[in-house]
Amino acid sequence: MRINKYSLKANEDKTLELVKDSSCNYLGVDKLDMPEKIAEMMRIIYKANNLPEEYVWVAALSSKSKLIGMFEVSHGTATSSLINPKEIFSRLCLCGAVSFIIIHNHPSGDSKPSEDDMKVTKRLKECANLMGIKMLDHIIIGDTYYSIYENGYAFYSMYMQGILPGC
């Protein structure tokens, strides 16, 4: 699989453009259709489990779960990172994504989602529904990984509906 890393730049007219920063090959995987594949890629390519600060990435996907592009959308401190839907969805729209996955790391090594992680996930899911771009998962990388979808979609669905409080 070819991984293209993009950033967003404002041109002279102050309109946004995608700029390809780099590309690399990730052998043995042709699509990102399982959380463990994504977690492994993030550990190998981005060293997400060894970073001293929180980073947030968005993986933009085609209708066949093929990776269109990877975007770093935030770089925070050792304990937090800000995520704004505008930064995520502007990138997804510009690259023509059909679906996406949010990925971030926890430098502490504990991949369990915080209450803020769940609130951000809920907000992004609501925005995704409005935009018509499917949010597939929010994966947290630590010593292991945590997939909100994989770890009890029933809990996740109830949280999204406001029935349960966050973790």
Protein backbone atom coordinates (compact mmCIF):
# COMPACT_ATOMS: atom_id res chain seq x y z
CA MET A 1 0.00 0.00 0.00
CA ARG A 2 1.23 3.48 -0.81
CA ILE A 3 0.95 5.99 2.03
CA ASN A 4 0.78 9.61 0.93
CA LYS A 5 1.26 12.19 3.67
CA TYR A 6 -0.41 15.51 2.96
CA SER A 7 -0.59 18.91 4.56
CA LEU A 8 -2.93 21.79 3.91
CA LYS A 9 -1.61 25.13 2.65
CA ALA A 10 -3.31 28.41 1.82
CA ASN A 11 -2.35 29.66 -1.65
CA GLU A 12 -1.99 33.33 -2.69
CA ASP A 13 -5.79 33.68 -2.89
CA LYS A 14 -6.06 32.23 0.63
CA THR A 15 -7.90 29.19 -0.73
CA LEU A 16 -6.86 25.82 0.65
CA GLU A 17 -4.77 23.32 -1.29
CA LEU A 18 -3.54 19.84 -0.50
CA VAL A 19 0.23 19.53 -0.67
CA LYS A 20 1.86 16.12 -0.82
CA ASP A 21 4.63 16.08 1.79
CA SER A 22 5.94 12.57 1.28
CA SER A 23 5.11 9.04 0.22
CA CYS A 24 6.23 5.64 1.37
CA ASN A 25 5.32 2.04 0.68
CA TYR A 26 3.83 -0.10 3.41
CA LEU A 27 4.16 -3.67 2.24
CA GLY A 28 1.79 -6.51 2.99
CA VAL A 29 -1.36 -4.42 3.37
CA ASP A 30 -3.60 -3.25 0.54
CA LYS A 31 -6.39 -1.63 2.55
CA LEU A 32 -7.05 -0.43 6.09
CA ASP A 33 -10.11 -2.45 7.03
CA MET A 34 -9.19 -3.63 10.54
CA PRO A 35 -8.16 -1.61 13.61
CA GLU A 36 -5.11 -3.81 14.25
CA LYS A 37 -3.82 -3.10 10.71
CA ILE A 38 -4.13 0.62 11.34
CA ALA A 39 -2.47 0.40 14.75
CA GLU A 40 0.43 -1.60 13.32
CA MET A 41 0.88 0.88 10.46
CA MET A 42 0.86 3.79 12.93
CA ARG A 43 3.53 2.10 15.06
CA ILE A 44 5.76 1.25 12.09
CA ILE A 45 5.41 4.35 9.91
CA TYR A 46 4.64 7.08 12.47
CA LYS A 47 6.18 5.56 15.63
CA ALA A 48 2.92 6.57 17.34
CA ASN A 49 3.58 4.45 20.42
CA ASN A 50 6.93 6.19 21.10
CA LEU A 51 6.08 9.88 20.69
CA PRO A 52 6.50 12.13 23.76
CA GLU A 53 3.50 14.36 22.88
CA GLU A 54 -0.01 13.65 21.64
CA TYR A 55 -0.53 13.68 17.89
CA VAL A 56 -3.81 13.38 16.03
CA TRP A 57 -4.03 11.99 12.50
CA VAL A 58 -6.88 11.43 10.12
CA ALA A 59 -6.82 8.60 7.60
CA ALA A 60 -8.91 9.50 4.55
CA LEU A 61 -10.37 6.44 2.83
CA SER A 62 -12.09 5.55 -0.42
CA SER A 63 -15.32 3.56 -0.65
CA LYS A 64 -13.19 0.37 -0.74
CA SER A 65 -11.24 1.30 2.44
CA LYS A 66 -8.18 2.20 0.36
CA LEU A 67 -6.05 4.90 1.92
CA ILE A 68 -6.33 8.16 -0.02
CA GLY A 69 -4.13 10.15 2.34
CA MET A 70 -2.85 10.62 5.88
CA PHE A 71 -3.01 13.97 7.60
CA GLU A 72 -1.49 15.12 10.87
CA VAL A 73 -4.18 17.44 12.20
CA SER A 74 -2.82 18.25 15.65
CA HIS A 75 0.35 18.09 17.73
CA GLY A 76 -0.19 18.80 21.41
CA THR A 77 1.44 18.29 24.77
CA ALA A 78 2.26 15.18 26.77
CA THR A 79 -1.34 15.02 28.03
CA SER A 80 -3.61 16.60 25.41
CA SER A 81 -4.12 17.69 21.84
CA LEU A 82 -6.83 19.89 20.35
CA ILE A 83 -9.06 18.60 17.58
CA ASN A 84 -11.26 20.94 15.56
CA PRO A 85 -13.75 19.45 13.07
CA LYS A 86 -12.98 22.22 10.55
CA GLU A 87 -9.37 21.07 10.18
CA ILE A 88 -10.45 17.48 9.71
CA PHE A 89 -13.33 17.97 7.30
CA SER A 90 -11.56 20.53 5.11
CA ARG A 91 -8.91 17.91 4.41
CA LEU A 92 -11.42 15.13 3.87
CA CYS A 93 -13.45 17.21 1.41
CA LEU A 94 -10.41 18.34 -0.56
CA CYS A 95 -9.19 14.78 -1.08
CA GLY A 96 -12.63 13.33 -1.84
CA ALA A 97 -12.78 10.95 1.11
CA VAL A 98 -15.83 8.73 1.52
CA SER A 99 -14.92 7.69 5.04
CA PHE A 100 -12.25 8.37 7.66
CA ILE A 101 -10.61 7.14 10.82
CA ILE A 102 -9.28 9.36 13.59
CA ILE A 103 -6.10 8.11 15.23
CA HIS A 104 -4.22 9.60 18.13
CA ASN A 105 -1.58 8.49 20.57
CA HIS A 106 -1.36 8.53 24.35
CA PRO A 107 2.28 9.08 25.37
CA SER A 108 1.52 7.56 28.78
CA GLY A 109 1.09 4.18 27.09
CA ASP A 110 -2.48 3.80 28.42
CA SER A 111 -4.69 3.52 25.35
CA LYS A 112 -8.00 3.67 27.24
CA PRO A 113 -10.09 6.64 26.00
CA SER A 114 -10.59 9.57 28.33
CA GLU A 115 -13.91 11.35 28.76
CA ASP A 116 -12.56 14.10 26.47
CA ASP A 117 -11.68 11.46 23.84
CA MET A 118 -15.28 10.23 23.93
CA LYS A 119 -16.68 13.77 23.72
CA VAL A 120 -14.50 14.56 20.71
CA THR A 121 -15.53 11.29 19.07
CA LYS A 122 -19.19 12.14 19.56
CA ARG A 123 -18.73 15.62 18.12
CA LEU A 124 -16.81 14.33 15.09
CA LYS A 125 -19.45 11.63 14.52
CA GLU A 126 -22.18 14.28 14.53
CA CYS A 127 -20.23 16.42 12.05
CA ALA A 128 -19.54 13.38 9.87
CA ASN A 129 -23.24 12.60 9.71
CA LEU A 130 -23.97 16.18 8.60
CA MET A 131 -21.19 16.12 6.00
CA GLY A 132 -22.08 12.69 4.62
CA ILE A 133 -18.59 11.34 5.26
CA LYS A 134 -18.63 8.15 7.32
CA MET A 135 -16.57 8.05 10.50
CA LEU A 136 -15.40 4.44 10.81
CA ASP A 137 -13.45 4.51 14.06
CA HIS A 138 -11.36 6.44 16.55
CA ILE A 139 -8.22 4.49 17.42
CA ILE A 140 -5.95 5.35 20.32
CA ILE A 141 -2.34 4.12 20.24
CA GLY A 142 -0.44 3.44 23.45
CA ASP A 143 1.45 0.34 24.54
CA THR A 144 -1.48 -1.43 22.89
CA TYR A 145 -4.28 0.09 20.83
CA TYR A 146 -7.91 0.86 21.63
CA SER A 147 -10.56 0.95 18.93
CA ILE A 148 -13.77 2.63 20.04
CA TYR A 149 -15.67 0.64 17.42
CA GLU A 150 -14.02 -2.67 18.25
CA ASN A 151 -14.38 -2.29 22.03
CA GLY A 152 -18.12 -2.37 22.30
CA TYR A 153 -19.92 -0.68 19.48
CA ALA A 154 -23.09 -0.94 21.57
CA PHE A 155 -21.45 1.23 24.23
CA TYR A 156 -20.19 3.59 21.55
CA SER A 157 -23.66 3.86 19.95
CA MET A 158 -25.29 4.52 23.30
CA TYR A 159 -22.65 7.13 24.13
CA MET A 160 -23.23 8.80 20.76
CA GLN A 161 -26.93 9.02 21.52
CA GLY A 162 -26.19 10.61 24.91
CA ILE A 163 -27.55 7.64 26.88
CA LEU A 164 -24.27 6.87 28.66
CA PRO A 165 -21.64 9.22 30.09
CA GLY A 166 -18.06 8.95 28.85
CA CYS A 167 -15.46 6.58 30.27
